[in-house]
Amino acid sequence: MSQNIGIILIVLLTTLSCKAQKLIADFVYILMKPLEWFFIVILYTFEQNPENRIAKQYLNPLDRKEIKNKTTAYNKS
């Protein structure tokens, strides 16, 4: 479903004028910024090692497991 919405938005945006595209981009930015702040507050409030959770997104599975083992060992001590 989200792919369909994305396709519809792409078609819509390509048919709009540059001014309308800019207004939509500004609206999306203004909408997403508070959501970003909310996510960061939640992440840093409830996660013991937020940097590790963020870094895991960019690592291969073996490196993720190593971080998990280090975090588990740290929490036990």
PDB file of N, CA and C in Angstrom:
ATOM      1  N   MET A   1       0.814  -1.196   0.000  1.00  0.00           N
ATOM      2  CA  MET A   1       0.000   0.000   0.000  1.00  0.00           C
ATOM      3  C   MET A   1       0.858   1.261   0.000  1.00  0.00           C
ATOM      4  N   SER A   2       1.922   1.271   0.819  1.00  0.00           N
ATOM      5  CA  SER A   2       2.767   2.459   0.871  1.00  0.00           C
ATOM      6  C   SER A   2       3.474   2.698  -0.456  1.00  0.00           C
ATOM      7  N   GLN A   3       3.773   1.628  -1.190  1.00  0.00           N
ATOM      8  CA  GLN A   3       4.386   1.794  -2.509  1.00  0.00           C
ATOM      9  C   GLN A   3       3.415   2.484  -3.459  1.00  0.00           C
ATOM     10  N   ASN A   4       2.124   2.124  -3.369  1.00  0.00           N
ATOM     11  CA  ASN A   4       1.121   2.767  -4.216  1.00  0.00           C
ATOM     12  C   ASN A   4       1.021   4.254  -3.901  1.00  0.00           C
ATOM     13  N   ILE A   5       1.063   4.586  -2.615  1.00  0.00           N
ATOM     14  CA  ILE A   5       1.002   5.991  -2.224  1.00  0.00           C
ATOM     15  C   ILE A   5       2.226   6.725  -2.750  1.00  0.00           C
ATOM     16  N   GLY A   6       3.402   6.077  -2.665  1.00  0.00           N
ATOM     17  CA  GLY A   6       4.619   6.689  -3.175  1.00  0.00           C
ATOM     18  C   GLY A   6       4.546   6.952  -4.667  1.00  0.00           C
ATOM     19  N   ILE A   7       4.018   5.994  -5.413  1.00  0.00           N
ATOM     20  CA  ILE A   7       3.888   6.165  -6.868  1.00  0.00           C
ATOM     21  C   ILE A   7       2.925   7.302  -7.179  1.00  0.00           C
ATOM     22  N   ILE A   8       1.824   7.344  -6.464  1.00  0.00           N
ATOM     23  CA  ILE A   8       0.845   8.422  -6.666  1.00  0.00           C
ATOM     24  C   ILE A   8       1.489   9.774  -6.375  1.00  0.00           C
ATOM     25  N   LEU A   9       2.254   9.859  -5.291  1.00  0.00           N
ATOM     26  CA  LEU A   9       2.912  11.128  -4.954  1.00  0.00           C
ATOM     27  C   LEU A   9       3.933  11.532  -6.011  1.00  0.00           C
ATOM     28  N   ILE A  10       4.690  10.576  -6.513  1.00  0.00           N
ATOM     29  CA  ILE A  10       5.678  10.892  -7.554  1.00  0.00           C
ATOM     30  C   ILE A  10       4.987  11.435  -8.799  1.00  0.00           C
ATOM     31  N   VAL A  11       3.923  10.774  -9.225  1.00  0.00           N
ATOM     32  CA  VAL A  11       3.186  11.240 -10.405  1.00  0.00           C
ATOM     33  C   VAL A  11       2.613  12.627 -10.146  1.00  0.00           C
ATOM     34  N   LEU A  12       2.052  12.810  -8.967  1.00  0.00           N
ATOM     35  CA  LEU A  12       1.459  14.105  -8.615  1.00  0.00           C
ATOM     36  C   LEU A  12       2.526  15.193  -8.596  1.00  0.00           C
ATOM     37  N   LEU A  13       3.653  14.913  -7.967  1.00  0.00           N
ATOM     38  CA  LEU A  13       4.695  15.927  -7.850  1.00  0.00           C
ATOM     39  C   LEU A  13       5.316  16.286  -9.199  1.00  0.00           C
ATOM     40  N   THR A  14       5.439  15.328 -10.077  1.00  0.00           N
ATOM     41  CA  THR A  14       6.045  15.628 -11.374  1.00  0.00           C
ATOM     42  C   THR A  14       5.115  16.442 -12.263  1.00  0.00           C
ATOM     43  N   THR A  15       3.813  16.411 -11.991  1.00  0.00           N
ATOM     44  CA  THR A  15       2.879  17.183 -12.807  1.00  0.00           C
ATOM     45  C   THR A  15       2.635  18.578 -12.245  1.00  0.00           C
ATOM     46  N   LEU A  16       3.102  18.837 -11.024  1.00  0.00           N
ATOM     47  CA  LEU A  16       2.889  20.148 -10.410  1.00  0.00           C
ATOM     48  C   LEU A  16       3.972  21.133 -10.828  1.00  0.00           C
ATOM     49  N   SER A  17       3.678  22.397 -10.649  1.00  0.00           N
ATOM     50  CA  SER A  17       4.664  23.430 -10.935  1.00  0.00           C
ATOM     51  C   SER A  17       5.760  23.411  -9.867  1.00  0.00           C
ATOM     52  N   CYS A  18       6.843  24.090 -10.141  1.00  0.00           N
ATOM     53  CA  CYS A  18       7.952  24.149  -9.193  1.00  0.00           C
ATOM     54  C   CYS A  18       7.530  24.792  -7.883  1.00  0.00           C
ATOM     55  N   LYS A  19       6.685  25.798  -7.958  1.00  0.00           N
ATOM     56  CA  LYS A  19       6.239  26.482  -6.735  1.00  0.00           C
ATOM     57  C   LYS A  19       5.402  25.542  -5.876  1.00  0.00           C
ATOM     58  N   ALA A  20       4.522  24.781  -6.500  1.00  0.00           N
ATOM     59  CA  ALA A  20       3.700  23.826  -5.757  1.00  0.00           C
ATOM     60  C   ALA A  20       4.562  22.717  -5.165  1.00  0.00           C
ATOM     61  N   GLN A  21       5.566  22.265  -5.917  1.00  0.00           N
ATOM     62  CA  GLN A  21       6.475  21.245  -5.400  1.00  0.00           C
ATOM     63  C   GLN A  21       7.217  21.748  -4.169  1.00  0.00           C
ATOM     64  N   LYS A  22       7.652  23.009  -4.225  1.00  0.00           N
ATOM     65  CA  LYS A  22       8.354  23.597  -3.085  1.00  0.00           C
ATOM     66  C   LYS A  22       7.443  23.678  -1.875  1.00  0.00           C
ATOM     67  N   LEU A  23       6.204  24.068  -2.063  1.00  0.00           N
ATOM     68  CA  LEU A  23       5.264  24.155  -0.945  1.00  0.00           C
ATOM     69  C   LEU A  23       5.015  22.787  -0.315  1.00  0.00           C
ATOM     70  N   ILE A  24       4.883  21.768  -1.134  1.00  0.00           N
ATOM     71  CA  ILE A  24       4.672  20.414  -0.614  1.00  0.00           C
ATOM     72  C   ILE A  24       5.915  19.939   0.142  1.00  0.00           C
ATOM     73  N   ALA A  25       7.089  20.201  -0.410  1.00  0.00           N
ATOM     74  CA  ALA A  25       8.328  19.808   0.263  1.00  0.00           C
ATOM     75  C   ALA A  25       8.465  20.528   1.604  1.00  0.00           C
ATOM     76  N   ASP A  26       8.128  21.806   1.652  1.00  0.00           N
ATOM     77  CA  ASP A  26       8.171  22.553   2.904  1.00  0.00           C
ATOM     78  C   ASP A  26       7.183  21.987   3.920  1.00  0.00           C
ATOM     79  N   PHE A  27       5.996  21.634   3.462  1.00  0.00           N
ATOM     80  CA  PHE A  27       4.976  21.061   4.338  1.00  0.00           C
ATOM     81  C   PHE A  27       5.445  19.732   4.928  1.00  0.00           C
ATOM     82  N   VAL A  28       6.021  18.877   4.102  1.00  0.00           N
ATOM     83  CA  VAL A  28       6.506  17.577   4.576  1.00  0.00           C
ATOM     84  C   VAL A  28       7.629  17.782   5.591  1.00  0.00           C
ATOM     85  N   TYR A  29       8.528  18.721   5.331  1.00  0.00           N
ATOM     86  CA  TYR A  29       9.620  19.003   6.260  1.00  0.00           C
ATOM     87  C   TYR A  29       9.072  19.468   7.610  1.00  0.00           C
ATOM     88  N   ILE A  30       8.133  20.400   7.571  1.00  0.00           N
ATOM     89  CA  ILE A  30       7.548  20.932   8.808  1.00  0.00           C
ATOM     90  C   ILE A  30       6.803  19.834   9.563  1.00  0.00           C
ATOM     91  N   LEU A  31       6.168  18.938   8.857  1.00  0.00           N
ATOM     92  CA  LEU A  31       5.449  17.832   9.479  1.00  0.00           C
ATOM     93  C   LEU A  31       6.422  16.831  10.110  1.00  0.00           C
ATOM     94  N   MET A  32       7.512  16.540   9.448  1.00  0.00           N
ATOM     95  CA  MET A  32       8.417  15.491   9.910  1.00  0.00           C
ATOM     96  C   MET A  32       9.367  15.942  11.020  1.00  0.00           C
ATOM     97  N   LYS A  33       9.681  17.216  11.108  1.00  0.00           N
ATOM     98  CA  LYS A  33      10.646  17.677  12.099  1.00  0.00           C
ATOM     99  C   LYS A  33      10.208  17.374  13.527  1.00  0.00           C
ATOM    100  N   PRO A  34       8.981  17.683  13.946  1.00  0.00           N
ATOM    101  CA  PRO A  34       8.565  17.312  15.306  1.00  0.00           C
ATOM    102  C   PRO A  34       8.562  15.797  15.529  1.00  0.00           C
ATOM    103  N   LEU A  35       8.241  15.025  14.509  1.00  0.00           N
ATOM    104  CA  LEU A  35       8.287  13.571  14.647  1.00  0.00           C
ATOM    105  C   LEU A  35       9.716  13.092  14.870  1.00  0.00           C
ATOM    106  N   GLU A  36      10.668  13.730  14.201  1.00  0.00           N
ATOM    107  CA  GLU A  36      12.075  13.397  14.401  1.00  0.00           C
ATOM    108  C   GLU A  36      12.494  13.691  15.841  1.00  0.00           C
ATOM    109  N   TRP A  37      12.110  14.850  16.359  1.00  0.00           N
ATOM    110  CA  TRP A  37      12.456  15.215  17.730  1.00  0.00           C
ATOM    111  C   TRP A  37      11.823  14.239  18.727  1.00  0.00           C
ATOM    112  N   PHE A  38      10.566  13.871  18.482  1.00  0.00           N
ATOM    113  CA  PHE A  38       9.873  12.922  19.349  1.00  0.00           C
ATOM    114  C   PHE A  38      10.615  11.590  19.356  1.00  0.00           C
ATOM    115  N   PHE A  39      11.017  11.109  18.192  1.00  0.00           N
ATOM    116  CA  PHE A  39      11.753   9.855  18.094  1.00  0.00           C
ATOM    117  C   PHE A  39      13.064   9.936  18.877  1.00  0.00           C
ATOM    118  N   ILE A  40      13.789  11.032  18.740  1.00  0.00           N
ATOM    119  CA  ILE A  40      15.068  11.183  19.439  1.00  0.00           C
ATOM    120  C   ILE A  40      14.862  11.196  20.948  1.00  0.00           C
ATOM    121  N   VAL A  41      13.852  11.914  21.420  1.00  0.00           N
ATOM    122  CA  VAL A  41      13.572  11.957  22.858  1.00  0.00           C
ATOM    123  C   VAL A  41      13.245  10.557  23.375  1.00  0.00           C
ATOM    124  N   ILE A  42      12.395   9.835  22.662  1.00  0.00           N
ATOM    125  CA  ILE A  42      12.038   8.482  23.078  1.00  0.00           C
ATOM    126  C   ILE A  42      13.264   7.573  23.058  1.00  0.00           C
ATOM    127  N   LEU A  43      14.064   7.652  22.007  1.00  0.00           N
ATOM    128  CA  LEU A  43      15.245   6.806  21.882  1.00  0.00           C
ATOM    129  C   LEU A  43      16.208   7.042  23.042  1.00  0.00           C
ATOM    130  N   TYR A  44      16.527   8.291  23.332  1.00  0.00           N
ATOM    131  CA  TYR A  44      17.498   8.583  24.375  1.00  0.00           C
ATOM    132  C   TYR A  44      16.919   8.427  25.785  1.00  0.00           C
ATOM    133  N   THR A  45      15.603   8.425  25.910  1.00  0.00           N
ATOM    134  CA  THR A  45      14.981   8.241  27.215  1.00  0.00           C
ATOM    135  C   THR A  45      14.932   6.765  27.607  1.00  0.00           C
ATOM    136  N   PHE A  46      14.604   5.897  26.661  1.00  0.00           N
ATOM    137  CA  PHE A  46      14.338   4.505  26.999  1.00  0.00           C
ATOM    138  C   PHE A  46      15.420   3.521  26.565  1.00  0.00           C
ATOM    139  N   GLU A  47      16.414   3.942  25.854  1.00  0.00           N
ATOM    140  CA  GLU A  47      17.474   3.045  25.385  1.00  0.00           C
ATOM    141  C   GLU A  47      18.740   3.304  26.186  1.00  0.00           C
ATOM    142  N   GLN A  48      19.352   2.231  26.699  1.00  0.00           N
ATOM    143  CA  GLN A  48      20.575   2.401  27.483  1.00  0.00           C
ATOM    144  C   GLN A  48      21.764   2.803  26.615  1.00  0.00           C
ATOM    145  N   ASN A  49      21.835   2.261  25.418  1.00  0.00           N
ATOM    146  CA  ASN A  49      22.938   2.553  24.500  1.00  0.00           C
ATOM    147  C   ASN A  49      22.375   2.977  23.146  1.00  0.00           C
ATOM    148  N   PRO A  50      21.852   4.182  23.034  1.00  0.00           N
ATOM    149  CA  PRO A  50      21.215   4.583  21.776  1.00  0.00           C
ATOM    150  C   PRO A  50      22.179   4.639  20.593  1.00  0.00           C
ATOM    151  N   GLU A  51      23.447   4.974  20.851  1.00  0.00           N
ATOM    152  CA  GLU A  51      24.409   5.033  19.755  1.00  0.00           C
ATOM    153  C   GLU A  51      24.609   3.659  19.136  1.00  0.00           C
ATOM    154  N   ASN A  52      24.620   2.618  19.980  1.00  0.00           N
ATOM    155  CA  ASN A  52      24.768   1.259  19.460  1.00  0.00           C
ATOM    156  C   ASN A  52      23.564   0.863  18.618  1.00  0.00           C
ATOM    157  N   ARG A  53      22.373   1.227  19.066  1.00  0.00           N
ATOM    158  CA  ARG A  53      21.178   0.882  18.303  1.00  0.00           C
ATOM    159  C   ARG A  53      21.211   1.571  16.935  1.00  0.00           C
ATOM    160  N   ILE A  54      21.657   2.808  16.904  1.00  0.00           N
ATOM    161  CA  ILE A  54      21.741   3.536  15.641  1.00  0.00           C
ATOM    162  C   ILE A  54      22.816   2.911  14.750  1.00  0.00           C
ATOM    163  N   ALA A  55      23.957   2.568  15.327  1.00  0.00           N
ATOM    164  CA  ALA A  55      25.060   2.002  14.555  1.00  0.00           C
ATOM    165  C   ALA A  55      24.697   0.649  13.964  1.00  0.00           C
ATOM    166  N   LYS A  56      23.857  -0.119  14.652  1.00  0.00           N
ATOM    167  CA  LYS A  56      23.480  -1.448  14.166  1.00  0.00           C
ATOM    168  C   LYS A  56      22.851  -1.400  12.782  1.00  0.00           C
ATOM    169  N   GLN A  57      22.210  -0.324  12.454  1.00  0.00           N
ATOM    170  CA  GLN A  57      21.548  -0.217  11.156  1.00  0.00           C
ATOM    171  C   GLN A  57      22.543  -0.276   9.999  1.00  0.00           C
ATOM    172  N   TYR A  58      23.787   0.078  10.259  1.00  0.00           N
ATOM    173  CA  TYR A  58      24.776   0.189   9.199  1.00  0.00           C
ATOM    174  C   TYR A  58      25.794  -0.949   9.201  1.00  0.00           C
ATOM    175  N   LEU A  59      25.593  -1.947  10.057  1.00  0.00           N
ATOM    176  CA  LEU A  59      26.561  -3.031  10.191  1.00  0.00           C
ATOM    177  C   LEU A  59      26.029  -4.337   9.629  1.00  0.00           C
ATOM    178  N   ASN A  60      26.954  -5.231   9.330  1.00  0.00           N
ATOM    179  CA  ASN A  60      26.536  -6.563   8.898  1.00  0.00           C
ATOM    180  C   ASN A  60      26.113  -7.375  10.121  1.00  0.00           C
ATOM    181  N   PRO A  61      25.443  -8.507   9.932  1.00  0.00           N
ATOM    182  CA  PRO A  61      24.906  -9.278  11.062  1.00  0.00           C
ATOM    183  C   PRO A  61      25.950  -9.722  12.089  1.00  0.00           C
ATOM    184  N   LEU A  62      27.171 -10.053  11.656  1.00  0.00           N
ATOM    185  CA  LEU A  62      28.191 -10.477  12.619  1.00  0.00           C
ATOM    186  C   LEU A  62      28.596  -9.332  13.541  1.00  0.00           C
ATOM    187  N   ASP A  63      28.752  -8.149  12.983  1.00  0.00           N
ATOM    188  CA  ASP A  63      29.093  -6.987  13.810  1.00  0.00           C
ATOM    189  C   ASP A  63      27.948  -6.620  14.749  1.00  0.00           C
ATOM    190  N   ARG A  64      26.717  -6.785  14.295  1.00  0.00           N
ATOM    191  CA  ARG A  64      25.562  -6.533  15.168  1.00  0.00           C
ATOM    192  C   ARG A  64      25.584  -7.466  16.371  1.00  0.00           C
ATOM    193  N   LYS A  65      25.906  -8.729  16.122  1.00  0.00           N
ATOM    194  CA  LYS A  65      25.949  -9.706  17.212  1.00  0.00           C
ATOM    195  C   LYS A  65      27.040  -9.332  18.211  1.00  0.00           C
ATOM    196  N   GLU A  66      28.183  -8.857  17.722  1.00  0.00           N
ATOM    197  CA  GLU A  66      29.271  -8.459  18.608  1.00  0.00           C
ATOM    198  C   GLU A  66      28.844  -7.294  19.505  1.00  0.00           C
ATOM    199  N   ILE A  67      28.144  -6.319  18.938  1.00  0.00           N
ATOM    200  CA  ILE A  67      27.651  -5.199  19.735  1.00  0.00           C
ATOM    201  C   ILE A  67      26.659  -5.700  20.780  1.00  0.00           C
ATOM    202  N   LYS A  68      25.795  -6.617  20.389  1.00  0.00           N
ATOM    203  CA  LYS A  68      24.808  -7.157  21.322  1.00  0.00           C
ATOM    204  C   LYS A  68      25.507  -7.870  22.478  1.00  0.00           C
ATOM    205  N   ASN A  69      26.547  -8.643  22.174  1.00  0.00           N
ATOM    206  CA  ASN A  69      27.287  -9.351  23.222  1.00  0.00           C
ATOM    207  C   ASN A  69      27.966  -8.375  24.177  1.00  0.00           C
ATOM    208  N   LYS A  70      28.559  -7.311  23.640  1.00  0.00           N
ATOM    209  CA  LYS A  70      29.211  -6.313  24.490  1.00  0.00           C
ATOM    210  C   LYS A  70      28.177  -5.613  25.375  1.00  0.00           C
ATOM    211  N   THR A  71      27.025  -5.292  24.808  1.00  0.00           N
ATOM    212  CA  THR A  71      25.968  -4.617  25.567  1.00  0.00           C
ATOM    213  C   THR A  71      25.453  -5.530  26.666  1.00  0.00           C
ATOM    214  N   THR A  72      25.276  -6.801  26.374  1.00  0.00           N
ATOM    215  CA  THR A  72      24.790  -7.751  27.362  1.00  0.00           C
ATOM    216  C   THR A  72      25.805  -7.912  28.483  1.00  0.00           C
ATOM    217  N   ALA A  73      27.082  -8.010  28.140  1.00  0.00           N
ATOM    218  CA  ALA A  73      28.133  -8.132  29.151  1.00  0.00           C
ATOM    219  C   ALA A  73      28.199  -6.888  30.029  1.00  0.00           C
ATOM    220  N   TYR A  74      28.011  -5.727  29.420  1.00  0.00           N
ATOM    221  CA  TYR A  74      28.029  -4.457  30.160  1.00  0.00           C
ATOM    222  C   TYR A  74      26.853  -4.394  31.132  1.00  0.00           C
ATOM    223  N   ASN A  75      25.701  -4.842  30.720  1.00  0.00           N
ATOM    224  CA  ASN A  75      24.507  -4.799  31.557  1.00  0.00           C
ATOM    225  C   ASN A  75      24.598  -5.778  32.726  1.00  0.00           C
ATOM    226  N   LYS A  76      25.331  -6.883  32.564  1.00  0.00           N
ATOM    227  CA  LYS A  76      25.457  -7.871  33.640  1.00  0.00           C
ATOM    228  C   LYS A  76      26.381  -7.395  34.740  1.00  0.00           C
ATOM    229  N   SER A  77      27.337  -6.541  34.398  1.00  0.00           N
ATOM    230  CA  SER A  77      28.305  -6.093  35.415  1.00  0.00           C
ATOM    231  C   SER A  77      27.836  -4.904  36.190  1.00  0.00           C
TER     232      SER A  77
END
